[in-house]
Every structure is written in structure tokens, then in C-alpha cells.
């Protein structure tokens, strides 16, 4: 089981959280009408090996969105920060 050190609530089990997706993606501009840009953003995903930044929602706690650095190979948790204070 993964354990996250929530900046608000402290150390918590992963069962309190919901995975929110890749935190490294950059959304196209709202007025970008290029279908290829939107297709790539919505449908194309990398499957990284090693350290990766992800969004997690603390559903059963403070309800904050977090950016978690997790090693996809070992599942070791690194940096955990509030999403509103973190940059992609």
C-alpha cells in the first residue's frame, strides 16, 4: 500500500486518495483550434519508468488536490505538494 504525506493531514494511506492523472501534461490554450494538439493532449499518454509527477485528490481527508512524485518502478513516494502551489 502507498502512503502519502499530505501537507495538510500528515501521513495517510492511499485508500483515502483518488488518482487524478499525469501532472506533467500541458493543456493547449483554450482558443487553440488545432485538432491535432487537442487529440494529443486528450488521448496520447507516455508510460514513464522512474520518477513521475501525478495528481492525487485527498477525497477522504482535506479534499485538496496534490502533486505527488512517485517512482513508477518501485512505487516510492517522493515530493508531495499542494497542486495550487506547484507548477507542472
PDB file of N, CA and C in Angstrom:
ATOM      1  N   UNK A   1       0.837  -1.173   0.000  1.00  0.00           N
ATOM      2  CA  UNK A   1       0.000   0.000   0.000  1.00  0.00           C
ATOM      3  C   UNK A   1       0.887   1.243   0.000  1.00  0.00           C
ATOM      4  N   UNK A   2       0.474   2.235  -0.769  1.00  0.00           N
ATOM      5  CA  UNK A   2       1.181   3.517  -0.783  1.00  0.00           C
ATOM      6  C   UNK A   2       0.756   4.341   0.422  1.00  0.00           C
ATOM      7  N   UNK A   3       1.677   5.147   0.912  1.00  0.00           N
ATOM      8  CA  UNK A   3       1.368   6.077   1.998  1.00  0.00           C
ATOM      9  C   UNK A   3       1.863   7.456   1.570  1.00  0.00           C
ATOM     10  N   UNK A   4       0.947   8.424   1.600  1.00  0.00           N
ATOM     11  CA  UNK A   4       1.268   9.786   1.208  1.00  0.00           C
ATOM     12  C   UNK A   4       1.383  10.668   2.437  1.00  0.00           C
ATOM     13  N   UNK A   5       2.329  11.568   2.418  1.00  0.00           N
ATOM     14  CA  UNK A   5       2.459  12.553   3.483  1.00  0.00           C
ATOM     15  C   UNK A   5       1.748  13.822   3.026  1.00  0.00           C
ATOM     16  N   UNK A   6       0.460  13.883   3.296  1.00  0.00           N
ATOM     17  CA  UNK A   6      -0.352  15.034   2.892  1.00  0.00           C
ATOM     18  C   UNK A   6       0.135  16.280   3.634  1.00  0.00           C
ATOM     19  N   UNK A   7       0.364  17.393   2.933  1.00  0.00           N
ATOM     20  CA  UNK A   7       0.831  18.615   3.591  1.00  0.00           C
ATOM     21  C   UNK A   7      -0.168  19.163   4.614  1.00  0.00           C
ATOM     22  N   UNK A   8      -1.427  18.796   4.503  1.00  0.00           N
ATOM     23  CA  UNK A   8      -2.457  19.295   5.417  1.00  0.00           C
ATOM     24  C   UNK A   8      -2.736  18.295   6.538  1.00  0.00           C
ATOM     25  N   UNK A   9      -2.864  17.010   6.192  1.00  0.00           N
ATOM     26  CA  UNK A   9      -3.323  15.986   7.144  1.00  0.00           C
ATOM     27  C   UNK A   9      -2.225  15.088   7.703  1.00  0.00           C
ATOM     28  N   UNK A  10      -1.047  15.095   7.116  1.00  0.00           N
ATOM     29  CA  UNK A  10       0.018  14.203   7.561  1.00  0.00           C
ATOM     30  C   UNK A  10       0.004  12.887   6.794  1.00  0.00           C
ATOM     31  N   UNK A  11       0.643  11.877   7.344  1.00  0.00           N
ATOM     32  CA  UNK A  11       0.803  10.586   6.687  1.00  0.00           C
ATOM     33  C   UNK A  11      -0.536   9.852   6.616  1.00  0.00           C
ATOM     34  N   UNK A  12      -0.927   9.450   5.381  1.00  0.00           N
ATOM     35  CA  UNK A  12      -2.210   8.782   5.156  1.00  0.00           C
ATOM     36  C   UNK A  12      -2.048   7.644   4.145  1.00  0.00           C
ATOM     37  N   UNK A  13      -2.950   6.645   4.246  1.00  0.00           N
ATOM     38  CA  UNK A  13      -2.971   5.525   3.307  1.00  0.00           C
ATOM     39  C   UNK A  13      -3.545   5.964   1.967  1.00  0.00           C
ATOM     40  N   UNK A  14      -3.137   5.263   0.909  1.00  0.00           N
ATOM     41  CA  UNK A  14      -3.618   5.596  -0.435  1.00  0.00           C
ATOM     42  C   UNK A  14      -5.120   5.406  -0.589  1.00  0.00           C
ATOM     43  N   UNK A  15      -5.745   4.622   0.278  1.00  0.00           N
ATOM     44  CA  UNK A  15      -7.192   4.381   0.180  1.00  0.00           C
ATOM     45  C   UNK A  15      -7.995   5.656   0.402  1.00  0.00           C
ATOM     46  N   UNK A  16      -7.382   6.684   0.978  1.00  0.00           N
ATOM     47  CA  UNK A  16      -8.058   7.967   1.189  1.00  0.00           C
ATOM     48  C   UNK A  16      -7.986   8.867  -0.043  1.00  0.00           C
ATOM     49  N   UNK A  17      -7.239   8.447  -1.055  1.00  0.00           N
ATOM     50  CA  UNK A  17      -6.966   9.283  -2.217  1.00  0.00           C
ATOM     51  C   UNK A  17      -7.540   8.681  -3.494  1.00  0.00           C
ATOM     52  N   UNK A  18      -7.735   9.531  -4.476  1.00  0.00           N
ATOM     53  CA  UNK A  18      -8.130   9.118  -5.814  1.00  0.00           C
ATOM     54  C   UNK A  18      -7.098   9.659  -6.793  1.00  0.00           C
ATOM     55  N   UNK A  19      -6.660   8.786  -7.706  1.00  0.00           N
ATOM     56  CA  UNK A  19      -5.686   9.186  -8.717  1.00  0.00           C
ATOM     57  C   UNK A  19      -6.319  10.183  -9.675  1.00  0.00           C
ATOM     58  N   UNK A  20      -5.602  11.256  -9.989  1.00  0.00           N
ATOM     59  CA  UNK A  20      -6.153  12.299 -10.845  1.00  0.00           C
ATOM     60  C   UNK A  20      -5.474  12.457 -12.192  1.00  0.00           C
ATOM     61  N   UNK A  21      -4.424  11.707 -12.459  1.00  0.00           N
ATOM     62  CA  UNK A  21      -3.793  11.789 -13.768  1.00  0.00           C
ATOM     63  C   UNK A  21      -2.382  12.335 -13.741  1.00  0.00           C
ATOM     64  N   UNK A  22      -1.838  12.478 -14.926  1.00  0.00           N
ATOM     65  CA  UNK A  22      -0.474  12.938 -15.163  1.00  0.00           C
ATOM     66  C   UNK A  22      -0.358  14.434 -14.881  1.00  0.00           C
ATOM     67  N   UNK A  23       0.559  14.804 -14.004  1.00  0.00           N
ATOM     68  CA  UNK A  23       0.734  16.215 -13.652  1.00  0.00           C
ATOM     69  C   UNK A  23       1.759  16.914 -14.532  1.00  0.00           C
ATOM     70  N   UNK A  24       2.288  16.223 -15.528  1.00  0.00           N
ATOM     71  CA  UNK A  24       3.298  16.838 -16.385  1.00  0.00           C
ATOM     72  C   UNK A  24       2.723  17.331 -17.705  1.00  0.00           C
ATOM     73  N   UNK A  25       1.468  16.997 -17.986  1.00  0.00           N
ATOM     74  CA  UNK A  25       0.855  17.422 -19.248  1.00  0.00           C
ATOM     75  C   UNK A  25       0.572  18.917 -19.245  1.00  0.00           C
ATOM     76  N   UNK A  26       0.745  19.521 -20.396  1.00  0.00           N
ATOM     77  CA  UNK A  26       0.436  20.941 -20.567  1.00  0.00           C
ATOM     78  C   UNK A  26      -0.755  21.047 -21.502  1.00  0.00           C
ATOM     79  N   UNK A  27      -1.839  21.598 -20.997  1.00  0.00           N
ATOM     80  CA  UNK A  27      -3.073  21.718 -21.774  1.00  0.00           C
ATOM     81  C   UNK A  27      -2.900  22.770 -22.871  1.00  0.00           C
ATOM     82  N   UNK A  28      -3.423  22.503 -24.068  1.00  0.00           N
ATOM     83  CA  UNK A  28      -3.375  23.523 -25.125  1.00  0.00           C
ATOM     84  C   UNK A  28      -4.166  24.764 -24.697  1.00  0.00           C
ATOM     85  N   UNK A  29      -3.845  25.883 -25.280  1.00  0.00           N
ATOM     86  CA  UNK A  29      -4.567  27.123 -24.982  1.00  0.00           C
ATOM     87  C   UNK A  29      -6.052  26.941 -25.284  1.00  0.00           C
ATOM     88  N   UNK A  30      -6.888  27.597 -24.517  1.00  0.00           N
ATOM     89  CA  UNK A  30      -8.338  27.470 -24.660  1.00  0.00           C
ATOM     90  C   UNK A  30      -8.813  27.797 -26.079  1.00  0.00           C
ATOM     91  N   UNK A  31      -8.172  28.756 -26.695  1.00  0.00           N
ATOM     92  CA  UNK A  31      -8.593  29.178 -28.036  1.00  0.00           C
ATOM     93  C   UNK A  31      -7.840  28.447 -29.158  1.00  0.00           C
ATOM     94  N   UNK A  32      -7.059  27.428 -28.811  1.00  0.00           N
ATOM     95  CA  UNK A  32      -6.331  26.644 -29.813  1.00  0.00           C
ATOM     96  C   UNK A  32      -7.329  25.743 -30.543  1.00  0.00           C
ATOM     97  N   UNK A  33      -7.483  25.937 -31.825  1.00  0.00           N
ATOM     98  CA  UNK A  33      -8.447  25.164 -32.611  1.00  0.00           C
ATOM     99  C   UNK A  33      -7.803  24.026 -33.398  1.00  0.00           C
ATOM    100  N   UNK A  34      -6.528  23.811 -33.192  1.00  0.00           N
ATOM    101  CA  UNK A  34      -5.825  22.735 -33.892  1.00  0.00           C
ATOM    102  C   UNK A  34      -6.234  21.390 -33.292  1.00  0.00           C
ATOM    103  N   UNK A  35      -6.943  20.584 -34.070  1.00  0.00           N
ATOM    104  CA  UNK A  35      -7.452  19.297 -33.590  1.00  0.00           C
ATOM    105  C   UNK A  35      -6.325  18.343 -33.190  1.00  0.00           C
ATOM    106  N   UNK A  36      -5.180  18.431 -33.860  1.00  0.00           N
ATOM    107  CA  UNK A  36      -4.060  17.548 -33.521  1.00  0.00           C
ATOM    108  C   UNK A  36      -3.533  17.833 -32.120  1.00  0.00           C
ATOM    109  N   UNK A  37      -3.459  19.110 -31.751  1.00  0.00           N
ATOM    110  CA  UNK A  37      -2.992  19.461 -30.402  1.00  0.00           C
ATOM    111  C   UNK A  37      -3.924  18.876 -29.341  1.00  0.00           C
ATOM    112  N   UNK A  38      -5.233  19.019 -29.559  1.00  0.00           N
ATOM    113  CA  UNK A  38      -6.202  18.513 -28.594  1.00  0.00           C
ATOM    114  C   UNK A  38      -6.223  16.982 -28.588  1.00  0.00           C
ATOM    115  N   UNK A  39      -6.096  16.373 -29.745  1.00  0.00           N
ATOM    116  CA  UNK A  39      -6.040  14.905 -29.809  1.00  0.00           C
ATOM    117  C   UNK A  39      -4.864  14.393 -28.988  1.00  0.00           C
ATOM    118  N   UNK A  40      -3.701  14.973 -29.193  1.00  0.00           N
ATOM    119  CA  UNK A  40      -2.511  14.546 -28.466  1.00  0.00           C
ATOM    120  C   UNK A  40      -2.682  14.736 -26.962  1.00  0.00           C
ATOM    121  N   UNK A  41      -3.263  15.859 -26.551  1.00  0.00           N
ATOM    122  CA  UNK A  41      -3.459  16.145 -25.130  1.00  0.00           C
ATOM    123  C   UNK A  41      -4.434  15.158 -24.485  1.00  0.00           C
ATOM    124  N   UNK A  42      -5.512  14.851 -25.167  1.00  0.00           N
ATOM    125  CA  UNK A  42      -6.557  14.002 -24.592  1.00  0.00           C
ATOM    126  C   UNK A  42      -6.208  12.516 -24.653  1.00  0.00           C
ATOM    127  N   UNK A  43      -5.638  12.055 -25.765  1.00  0.00           N
ATOM    128  CA  UNK A  43      -5.514  10.620 -25.984  1.00  0.00           C
ATOM    129  C   UNK A  43      -4.113  10.037 -25.869  1.00  0.00           C
ATOM    130  N   UNK A  44      -3.072  10.807 -26.094  1.00  0.00           N
ATOM    131  CA  UNK A  44      -1.726  10.241 -26.103  1.00  0.00           C
ATOM    132  C   UNK A  44      -1.068  10.394 -24.739  1.00  0.00           C
ATOM    133  N   UNK A  45      -0.649   9.272 -24.175  1.00  0.00           N
ATOM    134  CA  UNK A  45      -0.004   9.269 -22.866  1.00  0.00           C
ATOM    135  C   UNK A  45       1.278   8.463 -22.915  1.00  0.00           C
ATOM    136  N   UNK A  46       2.282   8.942 -22.203  1.00  0.00           N
ATOM    137  CA  UNK A  46       3.514   8.185 -22.032  1.00  0.00           C
ATOM    138  C   UNK A  46       3.319   7.214 -20.871  1.00  0.00           C
ATOM    139  N   UNK A  47       4.124   6.196 -20.834  1.00  0.00           N
ATOM    140  CA  UNK A  47       4.138   5.262 -19.716  1.00  0.00           C
ATOM    141  C   UNK A  47       5.543   5.311 -19.126  1.00  0.00           C
ATOM    142  N   UNK A  48       5.814   6.328 -18.305  1.00  0.00           N
ATOM    143  CA  UNK A  48       7.185   6.557 -17.850  1.00  0.00           C
ATOM    144  C   UNK A  48       7.681   5.479 -16.887  1.00  0.00           C
ATOM    145  N   UNK A  49       8.973   5.313 -16.892  1.00  0.00           N
ATOM    146  CA  UNK A  49       9.628   4.397 -15.961  1.00  0.00           C
ATOM    147  C   UNK A  49      10.522   5.235 -15.065  1.00  0.00           C
ATOM    148  N   UNK A  50      10.243   5.231 -13.777  1.00  0.00           N
ATOM    149  CA  UNK A  50      11.020   6.022 -12.840  1.00  0.00           C
ATOM    150  C   UNK A  50      10.179   7.132 -12.235  1.00  0.00           C
ATOM    151  N   UNK A  51      10.833   8.193 -11.813  1.00  0.00           N
ATOM    152  CA  UNK A  51      10.146   9.299 -11.140  1.00  0.00           C
ATOM    153  C   UNK A  51       9.138   9.961 -12.079  1.00  0.00           C
ATOM    154  N   UNK A  52       7.954  10.189 -11.559  1.00  0.00           N
ATOM    155  CA  UNK A  52       6.871  10.766 -12.358  1.00  0.00           C
ATOM    156  C   UNK A  52       5.975  11.588 -11.442  1.00  0.00           C
ATOM    157  N   UNK A  53       5.466  12.723 -11.959  1.00  0.00           N
ATOM    158  CA  UNK A  53       4.573  13.584 -11.171  1.00  0.00           C
ATOM    159  C   UNK A  53       3.120  13.292 -11.533  1.00  0.00           C
ATOM    160  N   UNK A  54       2.295  13.108 -10.497  1.00  0.00           N
ATOM    161  CA  UNK A  54       0.896  12.745 -10.683  1.00  0.00           C
ATOM    162  C   UNK A  54       0.007  13.612  -9.804  1.00  0.00           C
ATOM    163  N   UNK A  55      -1.249  13.799 -10.247  1.00  0.00           N
ATOM    164  CA  UNK A  55      -2.244  14.451  -9.414  1.00  0.00           C
ATOM    165  C   UNK A  55      -2.965  13.390  -8.591  1.00  0.00           C
ATOM    166  N   UNK A  56      -3.176  13.679  -7.314  1.00  0.00           N
ATOM    167  CA  UNK A  56      -3.965  12.832  -6.425  1.00  0.00           C
ATOM    168  C   UNK A  56      -4.913  13.739  -5.643  1.00  0.00           C
ATOM    169  N   UNK A  57      -6.145  13.282  -5.465  1.00  0.00           N
ATOM    170  CA  UNK A  57      -7.168  14.044  -4.742  1.00  0.00           C
ATOM    171  C   UNK A  57      -7.389  13.374  -3.389  1.00  0.00           C
ATOM    172  N   UNK A  58      -7.249  14.137  -2.306  1.00  0.00           N
ATOM    173  CA  UNK A  58      -7.436  13.592  -0.957  1.00  0.00           C
ATOM    174  C   UNK A  58      -8.926  13.612  -0.621  1.00  0.00           C
ATOM    175  N   UNK A  59      -9.640  12.658  -1.165  1.00  0.00           N
ATOM    176  CA  UNK A  59     -11.097  12.594  -1.094  1.00  0.00           C
ATOM    177  C   UNK A  59     -11.600  12.393   0.333  1.00  0.00           C
ATOM    178  N   UNK A  60     -10.957  11.528   1.096  1.00  0.00           N
ATOM    179  CA  UNK A  60     -11.438  11.217   2.435  1.00  0.00           C
ATOM    180  C   UNK A  60     -10.678  11.976   3.522  1.00  0.00           C
ATOM    181  N   UNK A  61     -10.137  13.101   3.146  1.00  0.00           N
ATOM    182  CA  UNK A  61      -9.404  13.916   4.110  1.00  0.00           C
ATOM    183  C   UNK A  61      -9.715  15.378   3.883  1.00  0.00           C
ATOM    184  N   UNK A  62      -8.696  16.134   3.584  1.00  0.00           N
ATOM    185  CA  UNK A  62      -8.819  17.589   3.441  1.00  0.00           C
ATOM    186  C   UNK A  62      -9.414  18.016   2.101  1.00  0.00           C
ATOM    187  N   UNK A  63      -9.611  17.064   1.178  1.00  0.00           N
ATOM    188  CA  UNK A  63     -10.188  17.295  -0.156  1.00  0.00           C
ATOM    189  C   UNK A  63      -9.302  18.175  -1.040  1.00  0.00           C
ATOM    190  N   UNK A  64      -8.039  18.290  -0.733  1.00  0.00           N
ATOM    191  CA  UNK A  64      -7.098  19.064  -1.531  1.00  0.00           C
ATOM    192  C   UNK A  64      -6.557  18.212  -2.676  1.00  0.00           C
ATOM    193  N   UNK A  65      -6.222  18.874  -3.781  1.00  0.00           N
ATOM    194  CA  UNK A  65      -5.514  18.227  -4.881  1.00  0.00           C
ATOM    195  C   UNK A  65      -4.028  18.330  -4.592  1.00  0.00           C
ATOM    196  N   UNK A  66      -3.312  17.229  -4.773  1.00  0.00           N
ATOM    197  CA  UNK A  66      -1.882  17.171  -4.501  1.00  0.00           C
ATOM    198  C   UNK A  66      -1.125  16.795  -5.769  1.00  0.00           C
ATOM    199  N   UNK A  67       0.102  17.235  -5.840  1.00  0.00           N
ATOM    200  CA  UNK A  67       1.036  16.745  -6.851  1.00  0.00           C
ATOM    201  C   UNK A  67       2.008  15.841  -6.105  1.00  0.00           C
ATOM    202  N   UNK A  68       2.058  14.591  -6.534  1.00  0.00           N
ATOM    203  CA  UNK A  68       2.879  13.574  -5.879  1.00  0.00           C
ATOM    204  C   UNK A  68       3.930  13.089  -6.853  1.00  0.00           C
ATOM    205  N   UNK A  69       5.172  13.080  -6.413  1.00  0.00           N
ATOM    206  CA  UNK A  69       6.231  12.484  -7.228  1.00  0.00           C
ATOM    207  C   UNK A  69       6.376  11.036  -6.778  1.00  0.00           C
ATOM    208  N   UNK A  70       6.077  10.115  -7.703  1.00  0.00           N
ATOM    209  CA  UNK A  70       6.093   8.692  -7.392  1.00  0.00           C
ATOM    210  C   UNK A  70       6.983   7.976  -8.397  1.00  0.00           C
ATOM    211  N   UNK A  71       7.797   7.067  -7.911  1.00  0.00           N
ATOM    212  CA  UNK A  71       8.617   6.245  -8.789  1.00  0.00           C
ATOM    213  C   UNK A  71       7.740   5.108  -9.296  1.00  0.00           C
ATOM    214  N   UNK A  72       7.496   5.052 -10.596  1.00  0.00           N
ATOM    215  CA  UNK A  72       6.592   4.055 -11.160  1.00  0.00           C
ATOM    216  C   UNK A  72       7.188   2.649 -11.150  1.00  0.00           C
ATOM    217  N   UNK A  73       8.462   2.547 -10.895  1.00  0.00           N
ATOM    218  CA  UNK A  73       9.111   1.240 -10.841  1.00  0.00           C
ATOM    219  C   UNK A  73       9.062   0.648  -9.430  1.00  0.00           C
ATOM    220  N   UNK A  74       9.335   1.475  -8.424  1.00  0.00           N
ATOM    221  CA  UNK A  74       9.395   0.992  -7.040  1.00  0.00           C
ATOM    222  C   UNK A  74       8.200   1.451  -6.200  1.00  0.00           C
ATOM    223  N   UNK A  75       7.417   2.376  -6.713  1.00  0.00           N
ATOM    224  CA  UNK A  75       6.285   2.998  -6.010  1.00  0.00           C
ATOM    225  C   UNK A  75       6.723   3.838  -4.812  1.00  0.00           C
ATOM    226  N   UNK A  76       7.995   4.174  -4.741  1.00  0.00           N
ATOM    227  CA  UNK A  76       8.473   5.047  -3.665  1.00  0.00           C
ATOM    228  C   UNK A  76       7.896   6.452  -3.868  1.00  0.00           C
ATOM    229  N   UNK A  77       7.420   7.045  -2.794  1.00  0.00           N
ATOM    230  CA  UNK A  77       6.831   8.377  -2.840  1.00  0.00           C
ATOM    231  C   UNK A  77       7.900   9.402  -2.484  1.00  0.00           C
ATOM    232  N   UNK A  78       8.024  10.412  -3.322  1.00  0.00           N
ATOM    233  CA  UNK A  78       8.969  11.499  -3.066  1.00  0.00           C
ATOM    234  C   UNK A  78       8.222  12.741  -2.629  1.00  0.00           C
ATOM    235  N   UNK A  79       8.386  13.796  -3.368  1.00  0.00           N
ATOM    236  CA  UNK A  79       7.767  15.083  -3.078  1.00  0.00           C
ATOM    237  C   UNK A  79       6.241  14.988  -3.103  1.00  0.00           C
ATOM    238  N   UNK A  80       5.591  15.592  -2.114  1.00  0.00           N
ATOM    239  CA  UNK A  80       4.129  15.736  -2.094  1.00  0.00           C
ATOM    240  C   UNK A  80       3.855  17.203  -1.807  1.00  0.00           C
ATOM    241  N   UNK A  81       3.118  17.866  -2.701  1.00  0.00           N
ATOM    242  CA  UNK A  81       2.839  19.296  -2.544  1.00  0.00           C
ATOM    243  C   UNK A  81       1.400  19.589  -2.933  1.00  0.00           C
ATOM    244  N   UNK A  82       0.853  20.652  -2.402  1.00  0.00           N
ATOM    245  CA  UNK A  82      -0.476  21.089  -2.818  1.00  0.00           C
ATOM    246  C   UNK A  82      -0.421  21.497  -4.280  1.00  0.00           C
ATOM    247  N   UNK A  83      -1.392  21.072  -5.068  1.00  0.00           N
ATOM    248  CA  UNK A  83      -1.384  21.339  -6.510  1.00  0.00           C
ATOM    249  C   UNK A  83      -1.445  22.838  -6.782  1.00  0.00           C
ATOM    250  N   UNK A  84      -2.157  23.589  -5.958  1.00  0.00           N
ATOM    251  CA  UNK A  84      -2.280  25.023  -6.198  1.00  0.00           C
ATOM    252  C   UNK A  84      -0.959  25.768  -5.980  1.00  0.00           C
ATOM    253  N   UNK A  85      -0.030  25.139  -5.290  1.00  0.00           N
ATOM    254  CA  UNK A  85       1.278  25.755  -5.026  1.00  0.00           C
ATOM    255  C   UNK A  85       2.384  25.146  -5.883  1.00  0.00           C
ATOM    256  N   UNK A  86       2.035  24.208  -6.743  1.00  0.00           N
ATOM    257  CA  UNK A  86       3.026  23.503  -7.547  1.00  0.00           C
ATOM    258  C   UNK A  86       2.877  23.868  -9.011  1.00  0.00           C
ATOM    259  N   UNK A  87       3.974  23.833  -9.732  1.00  0.00           N
ATOM    260  CA  UNK A  87       3.950  24.111 -11.177  1.00  0.00           C
ATOM    261  C   UNK A  87       4.142  22.799 -11.918  1.00  0.00           C
ATOM    262  N   UNK A  88       3.454  22.625 -13.058  1.00  0.00           N
ATOM    263  CA  UNK A  88       3.623  21.398 -13.846  1.00  0.00           C
ATOM    264  C   UNK A  88       5.039  21.281 -14.422  1.00  0.00           C
TER     265      UNK A  88
END
